[in-house]
Amino acid sequence: MMVGGPAMYFFNHEEVSATFARLGYPTYLIYPIAVAKLLGLVAIWTRRVETLKNLAYAGYFYDFMLSFFAHTMVADGEFAPSLVATVLVSVSYYSGENLPEGSS
């Protein structure tokens, strides 16, 4: 999900721009958000710096929550994917935290 989102931001910019405008977000945020999502994946997958990994998870959590509330406020019925993504990123974070040493 976190690879597909940025890919869509880069390769389907017109549709993403229309969605951002409909939700009330400025369209100049599309590329910085896409880059931040990709950098977050690198931080989570490499697990080299614990602080960066935690910041990436926090960023994803806030991104999904803001998406959920934006879709809810415009009442377009598209809030379910962001709600599912919030649950999945939370499960990923907490299951990764409970791994024994040396398992990551």
N, C-alpha and C. Protein backbone atom coordinates (compact mmCIF):
# COMPACT_ATOMS: atom_id res chain seq x y z
N MET A 1 0.82 -1.19 0.00
CA MET A 1 0.00 0.00 0.00
C MET A 1 0.87 1.26 0.00
N MET A 2 1.98 1.20 0.74
CA MET A 2 2.80 2.39 0.84
C MET A 2 3.71 2.57 -0.37
N VAL A 3 3.84 1.58 -1.21
CA VAL A 3 4.57 1.75 -2.47
C VAL A 3 3.60 2.20 -3.56
N GLY A 4 2.39 1.66 -3.52
CA GLY A 4 1.39 1.99 -4.53
C GLY A 4 0.93 3.44 -4.47
N GLY A 5 0.82 3.97 -3.26
CA GLY A 5 0.39 5.36 -3.10
C GLY A 5 1.34 6.34 -3.77
N PRO A 6 2.63 6.31 -3.41
CA PRO A 6 3.56 7.23 -4.08
C PRO A 6 3.66 6.99 -5.59
N ALA A 7 3.55 5.74 -6.02
CA ALA A 7 3.59 5.47 -7.46
C ALA A 7 2.42 6.17 -8.15
N MET A 8 1.25 6.11 -7.52
CA MET A 8 0.09 6.78 -8.09
C MET A 8 0.29 8.30 -8.07
N TYR A 9 0.90 8.82 -7.00
CA TYR A 9 1.14 10.26 -6.91
C TYR A 9 2.03 10.72 -8.06
N PHE A 10 3.02 9.90 -8.43
CA PHE A 10 3.94 10.28 -9.50
C PHE A 10 3.36 10.03 -10.89
N PHE A 11 2.69 8.90 -11.09
CA PHE A 11 2.29 8.49 -12.44
C PHE A 11 0.84 8.79 -12.80
N ASN A 12 0.03 9.16 -11.83
CA ASN A 12 -1.37 9.50 -12.09
C ASN A 12 -1.68 10.83 -11.41
N HIS A 13 -0.86 11.81 -11.69
CA HIS A 13 -0.90 13.10 -11.00
C HIS A 13 -2.24 13.81 -11.18
N GLU A 14 -2.87 13.73 -12.34
CA GLU A 14 -4.11 14.45 -12.59
C GLU A 14 -5.22 13.96 -11.66
N GLU A 15 -5.36 12.65 -11.51
CA GLU A 15 -6.40 12.10 -10.64
C GLU A 15 -6.13 12.44 -9.17
N VAL A 16 -4.87 12.34 -8.77
CA VAL A 16 -4.51 12.66 -7.39
C VAL A 16 -4.73 14.15 -7.13
N SER A 17 -4.40 15.00 -8.09
CA SER A 17 -4.63 16.44 -7.94
C SER A 17 -6.11 16.75 -7.76
N ALA A 18 -6.95 16.08 -8.53
CA ALA A 18 -8.40 16.29 -8.41
C ALA A 18 -8.89 15.86 -7.03
N THR A 19 -8.37 14.74 -6.53
CA THR A 19 -8.77 14.26 -5.21
C THR A 19 -8.30 15.21 -4.13
N PHE A 20 -7.05 15.66 -4.21
CA PHE A 20 -6.53 16.62 -3.22
C PHE A 20 -7.38 17.89 -3.21
N ALA A 21 -7.70 18.40 -4.40
CA ALA A 21 -8.51 19.62 -4.49
C ALA A 21 -9.89 19.40 -3.90
N ARG A 22 -10.50 18.25 -4.18
CA ARG A 22 -11.83 17.94 -3.65
C ARG A 22 -11.81 17.86 -2.13
N LEU A 23 -10.70 17.36 -1.57
CA LEU A 23 -10.59 17.23 -0.12
C LEU A 23 -10.14 18.52 0.56
N GLY A 24 -9.75 19.50 -0.24
CA GLY A 24 -9.33 20.79 0.31
C GLY A 24 -7.85 20.90 0.61
N TYR A 25 -7.05 19.97 0.11
CA TYR A 25 -5.60 20.02 0.33
C TYR A 25 -4.95 20.70 -0.87
N PRO A 26 -3.88 21.45 -0.65
CA PRO A 26 -3.17 22.06 -1.78
C PRO A 26 -2.43 20.99 -2.60
N THR A 27 -2.47 21.15 -3.90
CA THR A 27 -1.89 20.12 -4.77
C THR A 27 -0.36 20.15 -4.77
N TYR A 28 0.25 21.24 -4.29
CA TYR A 28 1.72 21.26 -4.24
C TYR A 28 2.27 20.29 -3.20
N LEU A 29 1.44 19.71 -2.37
CA LEU A 29 1.89 18.73 -1.38
C LEU A 29 2.04 17.32 -1.94
N ILE A 30 1.57 17.09 -3.14
CA ILE A 30 1.54 15.73 -3.68
C ILE A 30 2.95 15.12 -3.77
N TYR A 31 3.88 15.80 -4.41
CA TYR A 31 5.21 15.23 -4.56
C TYR A 31 5.98 15.13 -3.24
N PRO A 32 5.95 16.15 -2.38
CA PRO A 32 6.64 15.98 -1.10
C PRO A 32 6.08 14.83 -0.26
N ILE A 33 4.77 14.64 -0.29
CA ILE A 33 4.18 13.52 0.46
C ILE A 33 4.63 12.19 -0.13
N ALA A 34 4.68 12.10 -1.45
CA ALA A 34 5.12 10.86 -2.10
C ALA A 34 6.56 10.53 -1.72
N VAL A 35 7.42 11.53 -1.74
CA VAL A 35 8.83 11.31 -1.37
C VAL A 35 8.93 10.91 0.10
N ALA A 36 8.17 11.58 0.96
CA ALA A 36 8.20 11.26 2.39
C ALA A 36 7.72 9.83 2.65
N LYS A 37 6.71 9.38 1.91
CA LYS A 37 6.23 8.01 2.07
C LYS A 37 7.30 7.00 1.66
N LEU A 38 8.00 7.28 0.58
CA LEU A 38 9.06 6.37 0.14
C LEU A 38 10.23 6.35 1.14
N LEU A 39 10.60 7.52 1.65
CA LEU A 39 11.66 7.57 2.64
C LEU A 39 11.25 6.86 3.94
N GLY A 40 9.98 6.95 4.28
CA GLY A 40 9.47 6.22 5.44
C GLY A 40 9.60 4.73 5.27
N LEU A 41 9.34 4.24 4.07
CA LEU A 41 9.52 2.80 3.80
C LEU A 41 10.97 2.39 4.00
N VAL A 42 11.88 3.20 3.51
CA VAL A 42 13.31 2.89 3.68
C VAL A 42 13.65 2.84 5.17
N ALA A 43 13.16 3.80 5.93
CA ALA A 43 13.45 3.83 7.37
C ALA A 43 12.89 2.61 8.09
N ILE A 44 11.70 2.17 7.69
CA ILE A 44 11.08 1.01 8.34
C ILE A 44 11.77 -0.28 7.92
N TRP A 45 12.06 -0.42 6.64
CA TRP A 45 12.66 -1.66 6.15
C TRP A 45 14.09 -1.86 6.63
N THR A 46 14.86 -0.78 6.70
CA THR A 46 16.26 -0.94 7.11
C THR A 46 16.40 -1.09 8.61
N ARG A 47 15.53 -0.44 9.37
CA ARG A 47 15.55 -0.51 10.84
C ARG A 47 16.93 -0.17 11.43
N ARG A 48 17.68 0.68 10.76
CA ARG A 48 19.00 1.06 11.26
C ARG A 48 18.91 2.07 12.39
N VAL A 49 18.04 3.05 12.23
CA VAL A 49 17.91 4.11 13.23
C VAL A 49 16.49 4.03 13.80
N GLU A 50 16.40 3.66 15.06
CA GLU A 50 15.11 3.45 15.71
C GLU A 50 14.23 4.70 15.67
N THR A 51 14.84 5.86 15.86
CA THR A 51 14.07 7.10 15.87
C THR A 51 13.44 7.36 14.50
N LEU A 52 14.19 7.12 13.43
CA LEU A 52 13.63 7.32 12.08
C LEU A 52 12.50 6.35 11.81
N LYS A 53 12.65 5.11 12.26
CA LYS A 53 11.59 4.11 12.08
C LYS A 53 10.33 4.56 12.79
N ASN A 54 10.47 5.03 14.03
CA ASN A 54 9.31 5.49 14.79
C ASN A 54 8.67 6.73 14.16
N LEU A 55 9.50 7.64 13.64
CA LEU A 55 8.95 8.81 12.96
C LEU A 55 8.20 8.42 11.69
N ALA A 56 8.71 7.43 10.98
CA ALA A 56 8.02 6.96 9.77
C ALA A 56 6.66 6.38 10.12
N TYR A 57 6.62 5.54 11.14
CA TYR A 57 5.33 4.99 11.57
C TYR A 57 4.38 6.10 12.00
N ALA A 58 4.88 7.08 12.75
CA ALA A 58 4.03 8.20 13.18
C ALA A 58 3.51 8.98 11.98
N GLY A 59 4.38 9.20 11.01
CA GLY A 59 3.97 9.91 9.80
C GLY A 59 2.88 9.18 9.05
N TYR A 60 3.04 7.87 8.91
CA TYR A 60 2.01 7.08 8.24
C TYR A 60 0.70 7.13 9.02
N PHE A 61 0.79 7.00 10.34
CA PHE A 61 -0.41 7.03 11.17
C PHE A 61 -1.16 8.35 10.98
N TYR A 62 -0.44 9.47 11.07
CA TYR A 62 -1.09 10.77 10.91
C TYR A 62 -1.60 10.98 9.49
N ASP A 63 -0.88 10.51 8.50
CA ASP A 63 -1.34 10.61 7.11
C ASP A 63 -2.66 9.89 6.93
N PHE A 64 -2.74 8.67 7.44
CA PHE A 64 -3.98 7.90 7.30
C PHE A 64 -5.13 8.49 8.10
N MET A 65 -4.83 9.00 9.29
CA MET A 65 -5.89 9.60 10.10
C MET A 65 -6.40 10.89 9.44
N LEU A 66 -5.50 11.71 8.91
CA LEU A 66 -5.93 12.92 8.21
C LEU A 66 -6.74 12.58 6.97
N SER A 67 -6.34 11.53 6.28
CA SER A 67 -7.10 11.07 5.13
C SER A 67 -8.50 10.62 5.54
N PHE A 68 -8.58 9.86 6.62
CA PHE A 68 -9.88 9.39 7.12
C PHE A 68 -10.79 10.58 7.43
N PHE A 69 -10.28 11.55 8.17
CA PHE A 69 -11.11 12.69 8.55
C PHE A 69 -11.46 13.58 7.36
N ALA A 70 -10.54 13.72 6.40
CA ALA A 70 -10.83 14.53 5.22
C ALA A 70 -11.96 13.90 4.41
N HIS A 71 -11.90 12.59 4.21
CA HIS A 71 -12.97 11.91 3.47
C HIS A 71 -14.28 11.95 4.24
N THR A 72 -14.20 11.86 5.54
CA THR A 72 -15.41 11.93 6.36
C THR A 72 -16.04 13.33 6.28
N MET A 73 -15.21 14.35 6.31
CA MET A 73 -15.74 15.73 6.29
C MET A 73 -16.40 16.08 4.95
N VAL A 74 -15.89 15.57 3.83
CA VAL A 74 -16.52 15.86 2.55
C VAL A 74 -17.62 14.86 2.22
N ALA A 75 -17.76 13.84 3.07
CA ALA A 75 -18.83 12.84 2.94
C ALA A 75 -18.85 12.19 1.56
N ASP A 76 -17.68 11.77 1.10
CA ASP A 76 -17.62 11.10 -0.21
C ASP A 76 -17.67 9.59 -0.09
N GLY A 77 -17.70 9.06 1.13
CA GLY A 77 -17.81 7.62 1.33
C GLY A 77 -16.52 6.86 1.08
N GLU A 78 -15.40 7.55 0.92
CA GLU A 78 -14.12 6.91 0.62
C GLU A 78 -13.21 6.81 1.84
N PHE A 79 -13.77 6.77 3.03
CA PHE A 79 -12.97 6.76 4.25
C PHE A 79 -12.47 5.38 4.64
N ALA A 80 -13.08 4.31 4.14
CA ALA A 80 -12.74 2.95 4.57
C ALA A 80 -11.28 2.57 4.30
N PRO A 81 -10.71 2.85 3.12
CA PRO A 81 -9.31 2.47 2.91
C PRO A 81 -8.35 3.11 3.90
N SER A 82 -8.58 4.37 4.25
CA SER A 82 -7.68 5.01 5.20
C SER A 82 -7.87 4.46 6.61
N LEU A 83 -9.08 4.04 6.94
CA LEU A 83 -9.32 3.43 8.24
C LEU A 83 -8.63 2.06 8.32
N VAL A 84 -8.74 1.28 7.25
CA VAL A 84 -8.05 -0.02 7.20
C VAL A 84 -6.55 0.18 7.26
N ALA A 85 -6.03 1.17 6.54
CA ALA A 85 -4.59 1.44 6.54
C ALA A 85 -4.11 1.85 7.93
N THR A 86 -4.92 2.61 8.66
CA THR A 86 -4.56 3.01 10.03
C THR A 86 -4.43 1.79 10.92
N VAL A 87 -5.37 0.88 10.79
CA VAL A 87 -5.32 -0.36 11.60
C VAL A 87 -4.10 -1.18 11.21
N LEU A 88 -3.84 -1.32 9.91
CA LEU A 88 -2.71 -2.14 9.46
C LEU A 88 -1.37 -1.56 9.88
N VAL A 89 -1.22 -0.24 9.79
CA VAL A 89 0.05 0.35 10.20
C VAL A 89 0.23 0.24 11.71
N SER A 90 -0.85 0.30 12.47
CA SER A 90 -0.77 0.12 13.92
C SER A 90 -0.37 -1.31 14.26
N VAL A 91 -0.96 -2.28 13.59
CA VAL A 91 -0.62 -3.68 13.82
C VAL A 91 0.83 -3.93 13.44
N SER A 92 1.27 -3.37 12.31
CA SER A 92 2.66 -3.53 11.88
C SER A 92 3.62 -2.97 12.92
N TYR A 93 3.31 -1.80 13.43
CA TYR A 93 4.19 -1.17 14.42
C TYR A 93 4.27 -2.02 15.68
N TYR A 94 3.12 -2.40 16.21
CA TYR A 94 3.12 -3.13 17.49
C TYR A 94 3.65 -4.55 17.33
N SER A 95 3.43 -5.19 16.20
CA SER A 95 4.00 -6.53 16.01
C SER A 95 5.51 -6.45 15.81
N GLY A 96 6.01 -5.39 15.18
CA GLY A 96 7.45 -5.20 15.03
C GLY A 96 8.13 -4.88 16.34
N GLU A 97 7.42 -4.21 17.23
CA GLU A 97 7.97 -3.88 18.53
C GLU A 97 8.13 -5.12 19.42
N ASN A 98 7.34 -6.13 19.17
CA ASN A 98 7.35 -7.32 20.01
C ASN A 98 8.23 -8.44 19.48
N LEU A 99 9.02 -8.15 18.44
CA LEU A 99 9.93 -9.16 17.90
C LEU A 99 11.09 -9.39 18.88
N PRO A 100 11.52 -10.63 19.02
CA PRO A 100 12.70 -10.87 19.85
C PRO A 100 13.94 -10.23 19.22
N GLU A 101 14.94 -9.95 20.01
CA GLU A 101 16.19 -9.36 19.52
C GLU A 101 16.78 -10.22 18.41
N GLY A 102 17.24 -9.58 17.35
CA GLY A 102 17.89 -10.28 16.26
C GLY A 102 16.93 -10.84 15.23
N SER A 103 15.61 -10.62 15.37
CA SER A 103 14.63 -11.19 14.45
C SER A 103 14.27 -10.26 13.32
N SER A 104 14.64 -9.00 13.43
CA SER A 104 14.17 -8.04 12.42
C SER A 104 14.99 -8.04 11.18
